[in-house]
Amino acid sequence: MKLSVILIHGIGGSSESWAEPVIEKLQKKTRAELKNILKDKAPIDISEVLVIKSVYWTTALQKSRNELQSVLARYFKRVIRGLNAWDSLFKWAFKAFYKYQNMIVTLFIGDIVGHMAGEGSIGIEEKVDAAMEALAAETPDKNKPLTFISHSLGTVIASNYIFDKMNAHRKNGVNRMDERFIFSNMFTAGSPIALFSMKFNGPESFNLPVEVEDPSGRWINVLDKDDPIAMPLRLLNASYQKAVFSDYQVNSGWFWGMAHTEYFTKTNTLDLIARKLAIDWAAINQKIEPPKTAALYQAYDRTVGAHS
């Protein structure tokens, strides 16, 4: 049985190909972990192990973002025309600054607001739905293990998506996110989920986190202390302490911009994910004996817990 993986980007989303280097690294690292576990019995072709789909959700907000940028651009043009004689000498600098300011407001702050709006929320959900359908089409097995890997605002999108699906299915008597999959793992990096507790009058009332469905599954929240957007989750309340196995500390850079954007390039985040996926695949496909499986999971938990 293959493992299904969904990748969800954070604020901005540089391009539709954003996930390609992440997927390549994750495949290589998972293959290496399997080689370490299974030696010469490890599969050569990683496509036998992982089916990975990425979600490029930022286009769901493109229309409203473009309209707002156009309005702000017209305003700043008037501001520049009204500059005094001295400031006009530096008009080129003002133009560059206002263009950058326009982009920051609409791309970063705008995405936070836009993903909660009606059309934006529906459009993003449809993007994740499409990835789920693609996974289901490529992995016909029932009860396929599913792992979500997300970054920044993408962690909020992943959490909201899973919660909404679980909630809708519970109303129909099904206590699952999706009958085709087993929600096995959740890896969140640079997550601002805790910030949204303010919508529910604070952390104590924000007590309905999503929970993985697999007893061997884990929710690992990866964060850097220098990343102002990344926040711990286990400290919120007892419910999050139960749902999240570890607030795993890494060092992705001392500067806040780098600290937030380099989780998948300058930390061991992907190693952490690859090790879990390798153990899961070996266990599910009965490539190792139960005592060794238990020992591998215990060692993994000790490693993850030690950095919490």
C-alpha atoms as a PDB file:
ATOM      1  CA  MET A   1       0.000   0.000   0.000  1.00  0.00           C
ATOM      2  CA  LYS A   2       1.242   3.472  -0.917  1.00  0.00           C
ATOM      3  CA  LEU A   3       1.200   6.496   1.344  1.00  0.00           C
ATOM      4  CA  SER A   4      -0.715   9.584   0.229  1.00  0.00           C
ATOM      5  CA  VAL A   5       0.726  13.035   0.933  1.00  0.00           C
ATOM      6  CA  ILE A   6      -0.695  16.532   0.411  1.00  0.00           C
ATOM      7  CA  LEU A   7       1.513  19.637   0.456  1.00  0.00           C
ATOM      8  CA  ILE A   8      -0.036  23.067   1.092  1.00  0.00           C
ATOM      9  CA  HIS A   9       1.988  26.263   0.695  1.00  0.00           C
ATOM     10  CA  GLY A  10       1.853  29.349   2.880  1.00  0.00           C
ATOM     11  CA  ILE A  11       1.196  33.040   2.266  1.00  0.00           C
ATOM     12  CA  GLY A  12       2.005  34.212  -1.238  1.00  0.00           C
ATOM     13  CA  GLY A  13       2.828  30.973  -3.013  1.00  0.00           C
ATOM     14  CA  SER A  14       5.625  31.883  -5.416  1.00  0.00           C
ATOM     15  CA  SER A  15       4.495  29.761  -8.393  1.00  0.00           C
ATOM     16  CA  GLU A  16       2.606  26.624  -9.376  1.00  0.00           C
ATOM     17  CA  SER A  17       5.902  24.737  -9.294  1.00  0.00           C
ATOM     18  CA  TRP A  18       6.590  25.770  -5.676  1.00  0.00           C
ATOM     19  CA  ALA A  19       6.363  22.186  -4.415  1.00  0.00           C
ATOM     20  CA  GLU A  20       8.746  20.527  -6.881  1.00  0.00           C
ATOM     21  CA  PRO A  21      11.979  20.953  -4.853  1.00  0.00           C
ATOM     22  CA  VAL A  22      10.166  19.974  -1.647  1.00  0.00           C
ATOM     23  CA  ILE A  23       8.768  16.821  -3.251  1.00  0.00           C
ATOM     24  CA  GLU A  24      12.150  15.860  -4.688  1.00  0.00           C
ATOM     25  CA  LYS A  25      13.877  16.270  -1.326  1.00  0.00           C
ATOM     26  CA  LEU A  26      11.134  14.397   0.532  1.00  0.00           C
ATOM     27  CA  GLN A  27      11.326  11.490  -1.913  1.00  0.00           C
ATOM     28  CA  LYS A  28      15.109  11.234  -1.584  1.00  0.00           C
ATOM     29  CA  LYS A  29      15.013  11.447   2.183  1.00  0.00           C
ATOM     30  CA  THR A  30      12.211   8.882   2.479  1.00  0.00           C
ATOM     31  CA  ARG A  31      14.123   6.482   0.218  1.00  0.00           C
ATOM     32  CA  ALA A  32      17.223   6.932   2.408  1.00  0.00           C
ATOM     33  CA  GLU A  33      15.210   6.289   5.583  1.00  0.00           C
ATOM     34  CA  LEU A  34      13.729   3.115   4.079  1.00  0.00           C
ATOM     35  CA  LYS A  35      17.213   1.968   3.119  1.00  0.00           C
ATOM     36  CA  ASN A  36      18.287   2.504   6.712  1.00  0.00           C
ATOM     37  CA  ILE A  37      15.336   0.479   8.030  1.00  0.00           C
ATOM     38  CA  LEU A  38      15.054  -2.297   5.425  1.00  0.00           C
ATOM     39  CA  LYS A  39      18.622  -2.426   4.045  1.00  0.00           C
ATOM     40  CA  ASP A  40      18.669  -4.297   0.712  1.00  0.00           C
ATOM     41  CA  LYS A  41      14.928  -4.991   0.960  1.00  0.00           C
ATOM     42  CA  ALA A  42      14.060  -1.314   0.572  1.00  0.00           C
ATOM     43  CA  PRO A  43      12.064  -0.457  -2.564  1.00  0.00           C
ATOM     44  CA  ILE A  44      14.143   1.077  -5.327  1.00  0.00           C
ATOM     45  CA  ASP A  45      11.300   3.028  -6.901  1.00  0.00           C
ATOM     46  CA  ILE A  46       9.963   5.686  -4.523  1.00  0.00           C
ATOM     47  CA  SER A  47       6.720   5.804  -6.530  1.00  0.00           C
ATOM     48  CA  GLU A  48       5.921   2.451  -4.890  1.00  0.00           C
ATOM     49  CA  VAL A  49       5.969   4.244  -1.544  1.00  0.00           C
ATOM     50  CA  LEU A  50       4.680   7.820  -1.920  1.00  0.00           C
ATOM     51  CA  VAL A  51       2.010   9.551  -3.965  1.00  0.00           C
ATOM     52  CA  ILE A  52       2.384  13.294  -3.403  1.00  0.00           C
ATOM     53  CA  LYS A  53       0.081  16.087  -4.565  1.00  0.00           C
ATOM     54  CA  SER A  54       0.542  19.791  -3.953  1.00  0.00           C
ATOM     55  CA  VAL A  55      -2.083  22.492  -3.524  1.00  0.00           C
ATOM     56  CA  TYR A  56      -1.486  25.886  -5.136  1.00  0.00           C
ATOM     57  CA  TRP A  57      -4.322  27.798  -3.500  1.00  0.00           C
ATOM     58  CA  THR A  58      -3.237  31.408  -3.976  1.00  0.00           C
ATOM     59  CA  THR A  59      -4.923  31.631  -7.401  1.00  0.00           C
ATOM     60  CA  ALA A  60      -8.287  31.276  -5.644  1.00  0.00           C
ATOM     61  CA  LEU A  61      -7.707  34.774  -4.249  1.00  0.00           C
ATOM     62  CA  GLN A  62      -6.178  36.296  -7.381  1.00  0.00           C
ATOM     63  CA  LYS A  63      -9.231  38.218  -8.612  1.00  0.00           C
ATOM     64  CA  SER A  64      -9.908  40.072  -5.368  1.00  0.00           C
ATOM     65  CA  ARG A  65      -6.182  40.623  -4.809  1.00  0.00           C
ATOM     66  CA  ASN A  66      -5.722  42.168  -8.262  1.00  0.00           C
ATOM     67  CA  GLU A  67      -8.699  44.462  -7.765  1.00  0.00           C
ATOM     68  CA  LEU A  68      -7.371  45.723  -4.430  1.00  0.00           C
ATOM     69  CA  GLN A  69      -3.868  46.209  -5.839  1.00  0.00           C
ATOM     70  CA  SER A  70      -5.346  48.262  -8.681  1.00  0.00           C
ATOM     71  CA  VAL A  71      -7.205  50.530  -6.240  1.00  0.00           C
ATOM     72  CA  LEU A  72      -4.081  51.032  -4.103  1.00  0.00           C
ATOM     73  CA  ALA A  73      -1.938  51.676  -7.198  1.00  0.00           C
ATOM     74  CA  ARG A  74      -4.248  54.501  -8.287  1.00  0.00           C
ATOM     75  CA  TYR A  75      -4.074  56.014  -4.804  1.00  0.00           C
ATOM     76  CA  PHE A  76      -0.286  55.913  -4.648  1.00  0.00           C
ATOM     77  CA  LYS A  77      -0.009  57.477  -8.107  1.00  0.00           C
ATOM     78  CA  ARG A  78      -1.927  60.472  -6.758  1.00  0.00           C
ATOM     79  CA  VAL A  79       0.348  60.536  -3.709  1.00  0.00           C
ATOM     80  CA  ILE A  80       3.446  60.627  -5.923  1.00  0.00           C
ATOM     81  CA  ARG A  81       2.013  63.373  -8.148  1.00  0.00           C
ATOM     82  CA  GLY A  82       1.455  65.465  -5.021  1.00  0.00           C
ATOM     83  CA  LEU A  83       5.057  65.262  -3.794  1.00  0.00           C
ATOM     84  CA  ASN A  84       6.796  68.579  -3.154  1.00  0.00           C
ATOM     85  CA  ALA A  85       9.723  69.750  -5.267  1.00  0.00           C
ATOM     86  CA  TRP A  86      12.379  68.276  -2.965  1.00  0.00           C
ATOM     87  CA  ASP A  87      10.673  64.889  -2.619  1.00  0.00           C
ATOM     88  CA  SER A  88      10.188  64.734  -6.390  1.00  0.00           C
ATOM     89  CA  LEU A  89      13.959  64.266  -6.717  1.00  0.00           C
ATOM     90  CA  PHE A  90      13.467  60.867  -5.092  1.00  0.00           C
ATOM     91  CA  LYS A  91      10.263  59.980  -6.933  1.00  0.00           C
ATOM     92  CA  TRP A  92      11.756  56.729  -8.252  1.00  0.00           C
ATOM     93  CA  ALA A  93      12.430  55.605  -4.677  1.00  0.00           C
ATOM     94  CA  PHE A  94       8.893  56.443  -3.578  1.00  0.00           C
ATOM     95  CA  LYS A  95       7.472  54.497  -6.534  1.00  0.00           C
ATOM     96  CA  ALA A  96       9.500  51.425  -5.602  1.00  0.00           C
ATOM     97  CA  PHE A  97       8.565  51.719  -1.940  1.00  0.00           C
ATOM     98  CA  TYR A  98       4.834  52.110  -2.563  1.00  0.00           C
ATOM     99  CA  LYS A  99       4.829  49.226  -5.051  1.00  0.00           C
ATOM    100  CA  TYR A 100       6.478  47.018  -2.423  1.00  0.00           C
ATOM    101  CA  GLN A 101       4.095  48.244   0.268  1.00  0.00           C
ATOM    102  CA  ASN A 102       1.140  47.509  -2.009  1.00  0.00           C
ATOM    103  CA  MET A 103       2.394  43.962  -2.578  1.00  0.00           C
ATOM    104  CA  ILE A 104       3.008  43.305   1.136  1.00  0.00           C
ATOM    105  CA  VAL A 105      -0.447  44.472   2.163  1.00  0.00           C
ATOM    106  CA  THR A 106      -2.400  42.548  -0.471  1.00  0.00           C
ATOM    107  CA  LEU A 107      -0.257  39.431  -0.712  1.00  0.00           C
ATOM    108  CA  PHE A 108       0.461  38.796   2.947  1.00  0.00           C
ATOM    109  CA  ILE A 109      -2.175  40.506   5.054  1.00  0.00           C
ATOM    110  CA  GLY A 110      -4.696  40.172   2.220  1.00  0.00           C
ATOM    111  CA  ASP A 111      -4.279  36.399   2.021  1.00  0.00           C
ATOM    112  CA  ILE A 112      -5.049  36.066   5.733  1.00  0.00           C
ATOM    113  CA  VAL A 113      -8.313  37.942   5.276  1.00  0.00           C
ATOM    114  CA  GLY A 114      -9.149  36.513   1.865  1.00  0.00           C
ATOM    115  CA  HIS A 115      -8.926  32.853   2.824  1.00  0.00           C
ATOM    116  CA  MET A 116     -11.734  33.370   5.349  1.00  0.00           C
ATOM    117  CA  ALA A 117     -14.077  35.107   2.891  1.00  0.00           C
ATOM    118  CA  GLY A 118     -16.897  33.256   1.155  1.00  0.00           C
ATOM    119  CA  GLU A 119     -15.578  32.954  -2.408  1.00  0.00           C
ATOM    120  CA  GLY A 120     -11.971  32.698  -1.261  1.00  0.00           C
ATOM    121  CA  SER A 121     -12.725  29.940   1.224  1.00  0.00           C
ATOM    122  CA  ILE A 122     -14.752  27.963  -1.310  1.00  0.00           C
ATOM    123  CA  GLY A 123     -12.092  28.397  -3.988  1.00  0.00           C
ATOM    124  CA  ILE A 124      -9.330  27.171  -1.673  1.00  0.00           C
ATOM    125  CA  GLU A 125     -11.409  24.195  -0.529  1.00  0.00           C
ATOM    126  CA  GLU A 126     -11.951  23.233  -4.169  1.00  0.00           C
ATOM    127  CA  LYS A 127      -8.173  23.284  -4.706  1.00  0.00           C
ATOM    128  CA  VAL A 128      -7.651  20.862  -1.811  1.00  0.00           C
ATOM    129  CA  ASP A 129     -10.568  18.724  -3.000  1.00  0.00           C
ATOM    130  CA  ALA A 130      -8.881  18.415  -6.399  1.00  0.00           C
ATOM    131  CA  ALA A 131      -5.670  17.191  -4.774  1.00  0.00           C
ATOM    132  CA  MET A 132      -7.632  14.652  -2.736  1.00  0.00           C
ATOM    133  CA  GLU A 133      -9.391  13.377  -5.866  1.00  0.00           C
ATOM    134  CA  ALA A 134      -6.064  13.043  -7.666  1.00  0.00           C
ATOM    135  CA  LEU A 135      -4.640  11.050  -4.765  1.00  0.00           C
ATOM    136  CA  ALA A 136      -7.667   8.774  -4.658  1.00  0.00           C
ATOM    137  CA  ALA A 137      -7.389   8.134  -8.398  1.00  0.00           C
ATOM    138  CA  GLU A 138      -3.731   7.085  -8.132  1.00  0.00           C
ATOM    139  CA  THR A 139      -4.105   4.988  -4.983  1.00  0.00           C
ATOM    140  CA  PRO A 140      -7.145   2.713  -5.345  1.00  0.00           C
ATOM    141  CA  ASP A 141      -6.614   0.939  -2.006  1.00  0.00           C
ATOM    142  CA  LYS A 142      -9.195   1.527   0.714  1.00  0.00           C
ATOM    143  CA  ASN A 143      -8.178   3.230   3.964  1.00  0.00           C
ATOM    144  CA  LYS A 144      -5.068   4.779   2.438  1.00  0.00           C
ATOM    145  CA  PRO A 145      -2.823   6.541   4.982  1.00  0.00           C
ATOM    146  CA  LEU A 146      -2.908  10.301   4.379  1.00  0.00           C
ATOM    147  CA  THR A 147      -0.365  12.868   5.567  1.00  0.00           C
ATOM    148  CA  PHE A 148      -0.792  16.649   5.408  1.00  0.00           C
ATOM    149  CA  ILE A 149       2.345  18.814   5.197  1.00  0.00           C
ATOM    150  CA  SER A 150       1.701  22.543   5.347  1.00  0.00           C
ATOM    151  CA  HIS A 151       3.462  25.844   5.932  1.00  0.00           C
ATOM    152  CA  SER A 152       2.415  29.222   7.354  1.00  0.00           C
ATOM    153  CA  LEU A 153      -1.168  30.136   6.395  1.00  0.00           C
ATOM    154  CA  GLY A 154      -1.331  26.754   4.678  1.00  0.00           C
ATOM    155  CA  THR A 155      -1.416  25.160   8.134  1.00  0.00           C
ATOM    156  CA  VAL A 156      -4.616  27.072   8.901  1.00  0.00           C
ATOM    157  CA  ILE A 157      -6.063  26.041   5.539  1.00  0.00           C
ATOM    158  CA  ALA A 158      -5.192  22.387   6.198  1.00  0.00           C
ATOM    159  CA  SER A 159      -6.651  22.459   9.708  1.00  0.00           C
ATOM    160  CA  ASN A 160      -9.853  24.177   8.577  1.00  0.00           C
ATOM    161  CA  TYR A 161     -10.270  21.790   5.653  1.00  0.00           C
ATOM    162  CA  ILE A 162      -9.855  18.688   7.797  1.00  0.00           C
ATOM    163  CA  PHE A 163     -12.143  20.045  10.511  1.00  0.00           C
ATOM    164  CA  ASP A 164     -14.893  20.962   8.045  1.00  0.00           C
ATOM    165  CA  LYS A 165     -14.758  17.557   6.359  1.00  0.00           C
ATOM    166  CA  MET A 166     -14.832  15.712   9.681  1.00  0.00           C
ATOM    167  CA  ASN A 167     -17.693  17.862  10.918  1.00  0.00           C
ATOM    168  CA  ALA A 168     -19.763  17.311   7.762  1.00  0.00           C
ATOM    169  CA  HIS A 169     -19.236  13.549   7.828  1.00  0.00           C
ATOM    170  CA  ARG A 170     -20.080  13.265  11.524  1.00  0.00           C
ATOM    171  CA  LYS A 171     -23.530  14.677  10.729  1.00  0.00           C
ATOM    172  CA  ASN A 172     -23.965  11.684   8.416  1.00  0.00           C
ATOM    173  CA  GLY A 173     -22.830   9.235  11.086  1.00  0.00           C
ATOM    174  CA  VAL A 174     -19.267   8.798   9.777  1.00  0.00           C
ATOM    175  CA  ASN A 175     -16.477   9.662  12.204  1.00  0.00           C
ATOM    176  CA  ARG A 176     -13.838  10.140   9.493  1.00  0.00           C
ATOM    177  CA  MET A 177     -12.355  12.970   7.484  1.00  0.00           C
ATOM    178  CA  ASP A 178     -12.738  10.989   4.268  1.00  0.00           C
ATOM    179  CA  GLU A 179     -13.892   7.401   3.880  1.00  0.00           C
ATOM    180  CA  ARG A 180     -11.195   6.758   1.253  1.00  0.00           C
ATOM    181  CA  PHE A 181      -8.323   7.709   3.555  1.00  0.00           C
ATOM    182  CA  ILE A 182      -7.059   7.328   7.099  1.00  0.00           C
ATOM    183  CA  PHE A 183      -5.887  10.733   8.304  1.00  0.00           C
ATOM    184  CA  SER A 184      -2.527   9.583   9.644  1.00  0.00           C
ATOM    185  CA  ASN A 185      -0.123  12.491  10.075  1.00  0.00           C
ATOM    186  CA  MET A 186      -0.110  16.283  10.222  1.00  0.00           C
ATOM    187  CA  PHE A 187       3.095  18.296   9.911  1.00  0.00           C
ATOM    188  CA  THR A 188       2.683  22.043  10.350  1.00  0.00           C
ATOM    189  CA  ALA A 189       5.625  24.452   9.924  1.00  0.00           C
ATOM    190  CA  GLY A 190       5.659  28.141  10.858  1.00  0.00           C
ATOM    191  CA  SER A 191       2.023  27.908  11.880  1.00  0.00           C
ATOM    192  CA  PRO A 192      -0.149  30.841  13.050  1.00  0.00           C
ATOM    193  CA  ILE A 193      -3.059  28.559  14.034  1.00  0.00           C
ATOM    194  CA  ALA A 194      -2.822  29.782  17.637  1.00  0.00           C
ATOM    195  CA  LEU A 195      -3.547  33.325  16.445  1.00  0.00           C
ATOM    196  CA  PHE A 196      -7.037  32.265  15.402  1.00  0.00           C
ATOM    197  CA  SER A 197      -7.895  31.450  19.021  1.00  0.00           C
ATOM    198  CA  MET A 198      -8.676  35.179  19.278  1.00  0.00           C
ATOM    199  CA  LYS A 199     -11.688  34.535  17.052  1.00  0.00           C
ATOM    200  CA  PHE A 200     -13.030  32.256  19.818  1.00  0.00           C
ATOM    201  CA  ASN A 201     -12.355  34.553  22.790  1.00  0.00           C
ATOM    202  CA  GLY A 202      -8.946  33.122  23.595  1.00  0.00           C
ATOM    203  CA  PRO A 203      -7.028  29.837  23.922  1.00  0.00           C
ATOM    204  CA  GLU A 204      -9.276  28.108  26.480  1.00  0.00           C
ATOM    205  CA  SER A 205     -12.325  28.356  24.199  1.00  0.00           C
ATOM    206  CA  PHE A 206     -10.325  27.314  21.133  1.00  0.00           C
ATOM    207  CA  ASN A 207     -10.603  23.670  22.101  1.00  0.00           C
ATOM    208  CA  LEU A 208     -11.679  21.708  19.018  1.00  0.00           C
ATOM    209  CA  PRO A 209      -8.460  20.850  17.181  1.00  0.00           C
ATOM    210  CA  VAL A 210      -8.374  18.242  14.446  1.00  0.00           C
ATOM    211  CA  GLU A 211      -7.011  14.875  15.557  1.00  0.00           C
ATOM    212  CA  VAL A 212      -5.245  12.228  13.500  1.00  0.00           C
ATOM    213  CA  GLU A 213      -7.277   9.053  13.050  1.00  0.00           C
ATOM    214  CA  ASP A 214      -4.368   6.595  13.098  1.00  0.00           C
ATOM    215  CA  PRO A 215      -3.204   5.492  16.584  1.00  0.00           C
ATOM    216  CA  SER A 216       0.358   5.523  15.224  1.00  0.00           C
ATOM    217  CA  GLY A 217      -0.181   8.890  13.551  1.00  0.00           C
ATOM    218  CA  ARG A 218       1.353  12.112  14.791  1.00  0.00           C
ATOM    219  CA  TRP A 219       0.724  15.852  14.556  1.00  0.00           C
ATOM    220  CA  ILE A 220       4.109  17.573  14.754  1.00  0.00           C
ATOM    221  CA  ASN A 221       4.147  21.377  14.863  1.00  0.00           C
ATOM    222  CA  VAL A 222       7.542  22.694  13.735  1.00  0.00           C
ATOM    223  CA  LEU A 223       8.592  26.203  14.776  1.00  0.00           C
ATOM    224  CA  ASP A 224      11.589  28.494  15.085  1.00  0.00           C
ATOM    225  CA  LYS A 225      11.759  30.904  18.022  1.00  0.00           C
ATOM    226  CA  ASP A 226      12.887  33.685  15.634  1.00  0.00           C
ATOM    227  CA  ASP A 227       9.825  33.259  13.415  1.00  0.00           C
ATOM    228  CA  PRO A 228       7.150  35.720  14.612  1.00  0.00           C
ATOM    229  CA  ILE A 229       4.405  33.894  12.703  1.00  0.00           C
ATOM    230  CA  ALA A 230       5.159  30.455  14.160  1.00  0.00           C
ATOM    231  CA  MET A 231       3.426  29.722  17.445  1.00  0.00           C
ATOM    232  CA  PRO A 232       3.311  26.711  19.781  1.00  0.00           C
ATOM    233  CA  LEU A 233       0.078  24.744  19.938  1.00  0.00           C
ATOM    234  CA  ARG A 234       0.342  22.375  22.888  1.00  0.00           C
ATOM    235  CA  LEU A 235       0.349  25.304  25.328  1.00  0.00           C
ATOM    236  CA  LEU A 236      -3.051  26.539  24.160  1.00  0.00           C
ATOM    237  CA  ASN A 237      -5.159  24.140  26.207  1.00  0.00           C
ATOM    238  CA  ALA A 238      -5.633  20.478  27.139  1.00  0.00           C
ATOM    239  CA  SER A 239      -7.307  19.658  23.810  1.00  0.00           C
ATOM    240  CA  TYR A 240      -4.343  20.835  21.752  1.00  0.00           C
ATOM    241  CA  GLN A 241      -1.944  19.160  24.157  1.00  0.00           C
ATOM    242  CA  LYS A 242      -3.711  15.887  23.362  1.00  0.00           C
ATOM    243  CA  ALA A 243      -3.972  16.457  19.595  1.00  0.00           C
ATOM    244  CA  VAL A 244      -0.447  17.782  18.949  1.00  0.00           C
ATOM    245  CA  PHE A 245       2.353  15.383  19.834  1.00  0.00           C
ATOM    246  CA  SER A 246       5.166  17.937  19.772  1.00  0.00           C
ATOM    247  CA  ASP A 247       5.967  21.608  19.241  1.00  0.00           C
ATOM    248  CA  TYR A 248       9.260  20.722  17.578  1.00  0.00           C
ATOM    249  CA  GLN A 249      11.924  23.429  17.797  1.00  0.00           C
ATOM    250  CA  VAL A 250      14.262  24.055  14.835  1.00  0.00           C
ATOM    251  CA  ASN A 251      16.668  26.778  13.740  1.00  0.00           C
ATOM    252  CA  SER A 252      15.861  28.034  10.247  1.00  0.00           C
ATOM    253  CA  GLY A 253      17.620  31.398  10.591  1.00  0.00           C
ATOM    254  CA  TRP A 254      18.068  34.302  12.982  1.00  0.00           C
ATOM    255  CA  PHE A 255      16.339  36.898  10.747  1.00  0.00           C
ATOM    256  CA  TRP A 256      12.548  36.665  10.992  1.00  0.00           C
ATOM    257  CA  GLY A 257      11.990  36.540   7.221  1.00  0.00           C
ATOM    258  CA  MET A 258      14.424  33.696   6.748  1.00  0.00           C
ATOM    259  CA  ALA A 259      13.239  31.965   9.896  1.00  0.00           C
ATOM    260  CA  HIS A 260       9.721  31.804   8.485  1.00  0.00           C
ATOM    261  CA  THR A 261      10.521  30.752   4.925  1.00  0.00           C
ATOM    262  CA  GLU A 262      13.360  28.224   5.244  1.00  0.00           C
ATOM    263  CA  TYR A 263      11.772  25.350   7.175  1.00  0.00           C
ATOM    264  CA  PHE A 264      12.036  22.942   4.233  1.00  0.00           C
ATOM    265  CA  THR A 265      15.548  23.991   3.209  1.00  0.00           C
ATOM    266  CA  LYS A 266      17.637  24.845   6.276  1.00  0.00           C
ATOM    267  CA  THR A 267      16.254  22.581   9.000  1.00  0.00           C
ATOM    268  CA  ASN A 268      15.696  18.861   9.561  1.00  0.00           C
ATOM    269  CA  THR A 269      11.944  19.240   9.040  1.00  0.00           C
ATOM    270  CA  LEU A 270      11.862  17.066   5.914  1.00  0.00           C
ATOM    271  CA  ASP A 271      14.114  14.471   7.600  1.00  0.00           C
ATOM    272  CA  LEU A 272      11.609  14.313  10.432  1.00  0.00           C
ATOM    273  CA  ILE A 273       8.730  13.813   7.995  1.00  0.00           C
ATOM    274  CA  ALA A 274      10.610  11.294   5.852  1.00  0.00           C
ATOM    275  CA  ARG A 275      11.506   9.149   8.861  1.00  0.00           C
ATOM    276  CA  LYS A 276       7.874   8.944   9.940  1.00  0.00           C
ATOM    277  CA  LEU A 277       6.691   8.100   6.424  1.00  0.00           C
ATOM    278  CA  ALA A 278       9.339   5.403   6.064  1.00  0.00           C
ATOM    279  CA  ILE A 279       8.336   3.746   9.339  1.00  0.00           C
ATOM    280  CA  ASP A 280       4.658   3.983   8.389  1.00  0.00           C
ATOM    281  CA  TRP A 281       5.215   2.379   4.992  1.00  0.00           C
ATOM    282  CA  ALA A 282       7.343  -0.451   6.377  1.00  0.00           C
ATOM    283  CA  ALA A 283       4.802  -1.123   9.135  1.00  0.00           C
ATOM    284  CA  ILE A 284       1.679  -0.979   6.964  1.00  0.00           C
ATOM    285  CA  ASN A 285       3.206  -3.243   4.332  1.00  0.00           C
ATOM    286  CA  GLN A 286       4.513  -5.639   6.998  1.00  0.00           C
ATOM    287  CA  LYS A 287       8.128  -5.305   5.935  1.00  0.00           C
ATOM    288  CA  ILE A 288       9.314  -5.465   9.545  1.00  0.00           C
ATOM    289  CA  GLU A 289       8.304  -7.532  12.542  1.00  0.00           C
ATOM    290  CA  PRO A 290       5.916  -5.970  15.125  1.00  0.00           C
ATOM    291  CA  PRO A 291       8.587  -5.696  17.874  1.00  0.00           C
ATOM    292  CA  LYS A 292      10.887  -3.740  15.541  1.00  0.00           C
ATOM    293  CA  THR A 293       7.978  -1.598  14.399  1.00  0.00           C
ATOM    294  CA  ALA A 294       7.171  -0.694  17.995  1.00  0.00           C
ATOM    295  CA  ALA A 295      10.826   0.083  18.708  1.00  0.00           C
ATOM    296  CA  LEU A 296      11.089   2.359  15.667  1.00  0.00           C
ATOM    297  CA  TYR A 297       7.966   4.305  16.646  1.00  0.00           C
ATOM    298  CA  GLN A 298       9.203   4.646  20.226  1.00  0.00           C
ATOM    299  CA  ALA A 299      12.598   5.907  19.062  1.00  0.00           C
ATOM    300  CA  TYR A 300      10.893   8.379  16.750  1.00  0.00           C
ATOM    301  CA  ASP A 301       8.696   9.686  19.554  1.00  0.00           C
ATOM    302  CA  ARG A 302      11.716  10.139  21.826  1.00  0.00           C
ATOM    303  CA  THR A 303      13.532  12.111  19.133  1.00  0.00           C
ATOM    304  CA  VAL A 304      10.555  14.346  18.417  1.00  0.00           C
ATOM    305  CA  GLY A 305       9.701  14.822  22.075  1.00  0.00           C
ATOM    306  CA  ALA A 306      13.269  15.758  22.976  1.00  0.00           C
ATOM    307  CA  HIS A 307      13.025  18.904  20.823  1.00  0.00           C
ATOM    308  CA  SER A 308       9.627  19.963  22.107  1.00  0.00           C
END
